[in-house]
Amino acid sequence: MDPIVTGERIDASPEVVIPVVIFAVVVGVLGVTFRKVVMAAVDQLAELWRTYGPIASRKALEHRPGMPETPWFCVRCHLRNSASATRCYSCDSRRTEAEAPVPDADAPAGASAGLNARTRRRG
């Protein structure tokens, strides 16, 4: 009959208990050591990323082939066009005739700021 159901006491022999305890202690020590090593490595990688991540990202973007140059803005419709475009995407004006200087971020916005070409044409 089953010892758990009958309430009999199971005597564990030292030949079984001692190796199990030793195994548990060794696994516990190895687990804690492994965790500390992994956590230290993660902390070092995070510190490296905080220090060198922005620099590496900026360098990668600077040296990327085909990186677009400064865009140009159309005087007529105020649309932003890519540097390689020879005509405005919206009003089809030639770049040589319609190129406006790139707006300065510190300059105050003009009266038409926030309006797109469609709104300006309708209203």
C-alpha atoms as a PDB file:
ATOM      1  CA  MET A   1       0.000   0.000   0.000  1.00  0.00           C
ATOM      2  CA  ASP A   2       1.063   3.564  -0.594  1.00  0.00           C
ATOM      3  CA  PRO A   3       3.046   5.052   2.348  1.00  0.00           C
ATOM      4  CA  ILE A   4       1.449   8.500   1.917  1.00  0.00           C
ATOM      5  CA  VAL A   5      -2.073   7.135   2.177  1.00  0.00           C
ATOM      6  CA  THR A   6      -1.303   4.890   5.117  1.00  0.00           C
ATOM      7  CA  GLY A   7       0.735   7.523   6.952  1.00  0.00           C
ATOM      8  CA  GLU A   8       3.806   5.371   7.195  1.00  0.00           C
ATOM      9  CA  ARG A   9       7.054   7.161   7.652  1.00  0.00           C
ATOM     10  CA  ILE A  10       9.615   6.886   4.897  1.00  0.00           C
ATOM     11  CA  ASP A  11      13.148   6.727   6.178  1.00  0.00           C
ATOM     12  CA  ALA A  12      15.616   8.369   3.832  1.00  0.00           C
ATOM     13  CA  SER A  13      18.965   6.732   3.882  1.00  0.00           C
ATOM     14  CA  PRO A  14      22.136   8.846   4.004  1.00  0.00           C
ATOM     15  CA  GLU A  15      23.210   7.303   0.680  1.00  0.00           C
ATOM     16  CA  VAL A  16      20.326   9.197  -0.990  1.00  0.00           C
ATOM     17  CA  VAL A  17      20.081  12.393   1.088  1.00  0.00           C
ATOM     18  CA  ILE A  18      23.757  13.425   1.066  1.00  0.00           C
ATOM     19  CA  PRO A  19      24.200  13.384  -2.763  1.00  0.00           C
ATOM     20  CA  VAL A  20      20.877  15.229  -3.219  1.00  0.00           C
ATOM     21  CA  VAL A  21      21.881  17.959  -0.751  1.00  0.00           C
ATOM     22  CA  ILE A  22      25.335  18.298  -2.325  1.00  0.00           C
ATOM     23  CA  PHE A  23      23.768  18.506  -5.789  1.00  0.00           C
ATOM     24  CA  ALA A  24      21.290  21.185  -4.625  1.00  0.00           C
ATOM     25  CA  VAL A  25      24.052  23.284  -3.035  1.00  0.00           C
ATOM     26  CA  VAL A  26      26.288  23.029  -6.126  1.00  0.00           C
ATOM     27  CA  VAL A  27      23.413  23.962  -8.472  1.00  0.00           C
ATOM     28  CA  GLY A  28      22.444  26.870  -6.217  1.00  0.00           C
ATOM     29  CA  VAL A  29      25.990  28.246  -6.075  1.00  0.00           C
ATOM     30  CA  LEU A  30      26.438  27.846  -9.830  1.00  0.00           C
ATOM     31  CA  GLY A  31      23.074  29.502 -10.468  1.00  0.00           C
ATOM     32  CA  VAL A  32      23.875  32.512  -8.289  1.00  0.00           C
ATOM     33  CA  THR A  33      27.342  32.844  -9.828  1.00  0.00           C
ATOM     34  CA  PHE A  34      25.977  32.587 -13.366  1.00  0.00           C
ATOM     35  CA  ARG A  35      23.291  35.166 -12.604  1.00  0.00           C
ATOM     36  CA  LYS A  36      25.828  37.619 -11.201  1.00  0.00           C
ATOM     37  CA  VAL A  37      28.103  37.175 -14.223  1.00  0.00           C
ATOM     38  CA  VAL A  38      25.228  37.685 -16.631  1.00  0.00           C
ATOM     39  CA  MET A  39      23.948  40.730 -14.755  1.00  0.00           C
ATOM     40  CA  ALA A  40      27.421  42.275 -14.699  1.00  0.00           C
ATOM     41  CA  ALA A  41      27.792  41.707 -18.436  1.00  0.00           C
ATOM     42  CA  VAL A  42      24.386  43.259 -19.112  1.00  0.00           C
ATOM     43  CA  ASP A  43      25.272  46.271 -16.969  1.00  0.00           C
ATOM     44  CA  GLN A  44      28.557  46.737 -18.839  1.00  0.00           C
ATOM     45  CA  LEU A  45      26.811  46.466 -22.216  1.00  0.00           C
ATOM     46  CA  ALA A  46      24.182  48.982 -21.130  1.00  0.00           C
ATOM     47  CA  GLU A  47      26.904  51.408 -20.029  1.00  0.00           C
ATOM     48  CA  LEU A  48      28.714  50.968 -23.341  1.00  0.00           C
ATOM     49  CA  TRP A  49      25.488  51.605 -25.243  1.00  0.00           C
ATOM     50  CA  ARG A  50      24.727  54.750 -23.221  1.00  0.00           C
ATOM     51  CA  THR A  51      28.239  56.035 -23.882  1.00  0.00           C
ATOM     52  CA  TYR A  52      28.895  55.004 -27.464  1.00  0.00           C
ATOM     53  CA  GLY A  53      25.410  54.319 -28.885  1.00  0.00           C
ATOM     54  CA  PRO A  54      24.615  57.893 -29.942  1.00  0.00           C
ATOM     55  CA  ILE A  55      28.094  58.349 -31.416  1.00  0.00           C
ATOM     56  CA  ALA A  56      27.895  55.117 -33.380  1.00  0.00           C
ATOM     57  CA  SER A  57      24.401  55.927 -34.643  1.00  0.00           C
ATOM     58  CA  ARG A  58      25.448  59.382 -35.784  1.00  0.00           C
ATOM     59  CA  LYS A  59      28.540  58.025 -37.556  1.00  0.00           C
ATOM     60  CA  ALA A  60      26.501  55.314 -39.259  1.00  0.00           C
ATOM     61  CA  LEU A  61      24.036  57.892 -40.570  1.00  0.00           C
ATOM     62  CA  GLU A  62      26.813  60.194 -41.763  1.00  0.00           C
ATOM     63  CA  HIS A  63      28.494  57.481 -43.814  1.00  0.00           C
ATOM     64  CA  ARG A  64      25.374  55.846 -45.209  1.00  0.00           C
ATOM     65  CA  PRO A  65      25.492  55.715 -49.001  1.00  0.00           C
ATOM     66  CA  GLY A  66      22.706  57.604 -50.706  1.00  0.00           C
ATOM     67  CA  MET A  67      21.948  59.748 -47.684  1.00  0.00           C
ATOM     68  CA  PRO A  68      19.717  62.600 -48.840  1.00  0.00           C
ATOM     69  CA  GLU A  69      21.141  66.074 -48.898  1.00  0.00           C
ATOM     70  CA  THR A  70      19.415  69.186 -47.637  1.00  0.00           C
ATOM     71  CA  PRO A  71      15.870  69.447 -49.009  1.00  0.00           C
ATOM     72  CA  TRP A  72      14.624  72.496 -50.873  1.00  0.00           C
ATOM     73  CA  PHE A  73      11.372  74.378 -50.439  1.00  0.00           C
ATOM     74  CA  CYS A  74       9.157  75.709 -53.200  1.00  0.00           C
ATOM     75  CA  VAL A  75       8.465  79.470 -53.147  1.00  0.00           C
ATOM     76  CA  ARG A  76       5.054  79.006 -54.766  1.00  0.00           C
ATOM     77  CA  CYS A  77       3.467  76.251 -52.682  1.00  0.00           C
ATOM     78  CA  HIS A  78       5.926  76.015 -49.737  1.00  0.00           C
ATOM     79  CA  LEU A  79       6.257  72.247 -50.138  1.00  0.00           C
ATOM     80  CA  ARG A  80       9.403  70.486 -48.946  1.00  0.00           C
ATOM     81  CA  ASN A  81      11.091  68.585 -51.795  1.00  0.00           C
ATOM     82  CA  SER A  82      13.999  66.149 -51.724  1.00  0.00           C
ATOM     83  CA  ALA A  83      17.435  67.386 -52.737  1.00  0.00           C
ATOM     84  CA  SER A  84      17.414  65.245 -55.882  1.00  0.00           C
ATOM     85  CA  ALA A  85      14.050  66.548 -57.150  1.00  0.00           C
ATOM     86  CA  THR A  86      14.323  68.873 -60.154  1.00  0.00           C
ATOM     87  CA  ARG A  87      10.650  69.881 -59.985  1.00  0.00           C
ATOM     88  CA  CYS A  88       8.276  70.580 -57.096  1.00  0.00           C
ATOM     89  CA  TYR A  89       6.140  67.591 -56.165  1.00  0.00           C
ATOM     90  CA  SER A  90       3.021  69.726 -55.688  1.00  0.00           C
ATOM     91  CA  CYS A  91       2.990  72.538 -58.239  1.00  0.00           C
ATOM     92  CA  ASP A  92       5.503  71.084 -60.755  1.00  0.00           C
ATOM     93  CA  SER A  93       7.622  74.260 -60.759  1.00  0.00           C
ATOM     94  CA  ARG A  94      11.249  73.948 -61.810  1.00  0.00           C
ATOM     95  CA  ARG A  95      13.735  73.966 -58.967  1.00  0.00           C
ATOM     96  CA  THR A  96      15.839  76.714 -60.552  1.00  0.00           C
ATOM     97  CA  GLU A  97      12.799  79.019 -60.595  1.00  0.00           C
ATOM     98  CA  ALA A  98      11.039  78.080 -57.373  1.00  0.00           C
ATOM     99  CA  GLU A  99      13.723  77.189 -54.821  1.00  0.00           C
ATOM    100  CA  ALA A 100      13.363  79.098 -51.563  1.00  0.00           C
ATOM    101  CA  PRO A 101      15.937  79.236 -48.779  1.00  0.00           C
ATOM    102  CA  VAL A 102      15.599  76.551 -46.118  1.00  0.00           C
ATOM    103  CA  PRO A 103      13.623  77.994 -43.190  1.00  0.00           C
ATOM    104  CA  ASP A 104      15.517  78.540 -39.956  1.00  0.00           C
ATOM    105  CA  ALA A 105      14.171  76.737 -36.913  1.00  0.00           C
ATOM    106  CA  ASP A 106      14.809  79.805 -34.719  1.00  0.00           C
ATOM    107  CA  ALA A 107      12.964  82.198 -37.047  1.00  0.00           C
ATOM    108  CA  PRO A 108       9.364  83.042 -36.153  1.00  0.00           C
ATOM    109  CA  ALA A 109       6.677  81.376 -38.222  1.00  0.00           C
ATOM    110  CA  GLY A 110       5.026  83.439 -40.935  1.00  0.00           C
ATOM    111  CA  ALA A 111       1.331  84.051 -41.525  1.00  0.00           C
ATOM    112  CA  SER A 112       1.007  80.912 -43.637  1.00  0.00           C
ATOM    113  CA  ALA A 113       2.717  78.609 -41.152  1.00  0.00           C
ATOM    114  CA  GLY A 114       0.841  75.366 -40.757  1.00  0.00           C
ATOM    115  CA  LEU A 115      -1.132  75.723 -43.980  1.00  0.00           C
ATOM    116  CA  ASN A 116      -0.523  73.354 -46.815  1.00  0.00           C
ATOM    117  CA  ALA A 117      -0.891  74.112 -50.523  1.00  0.00           C
ATOM    118  CA  ARG A 118      -4.504  72.873 -50.772  1.00  0.00           C
ATOM    119  CA  THR A 119      -5.719  75.025 -47.897  1.00  0.00           C
ATOM    120  CA  ARG A 120      -4.035  78.097 -49.325  1.00  0.00           C
ATOM    121  CA  ARG A 121      -5.527  77.562 -52.783  1.00  0.00           C
ATOM    122  CA  ARG A 122      -9.095  77.114 -51.539  1.00  0.00           C
ATOM    123  CA  GLY A 123      -9.182  79.844 -49.043  1.00  0.00           C
END
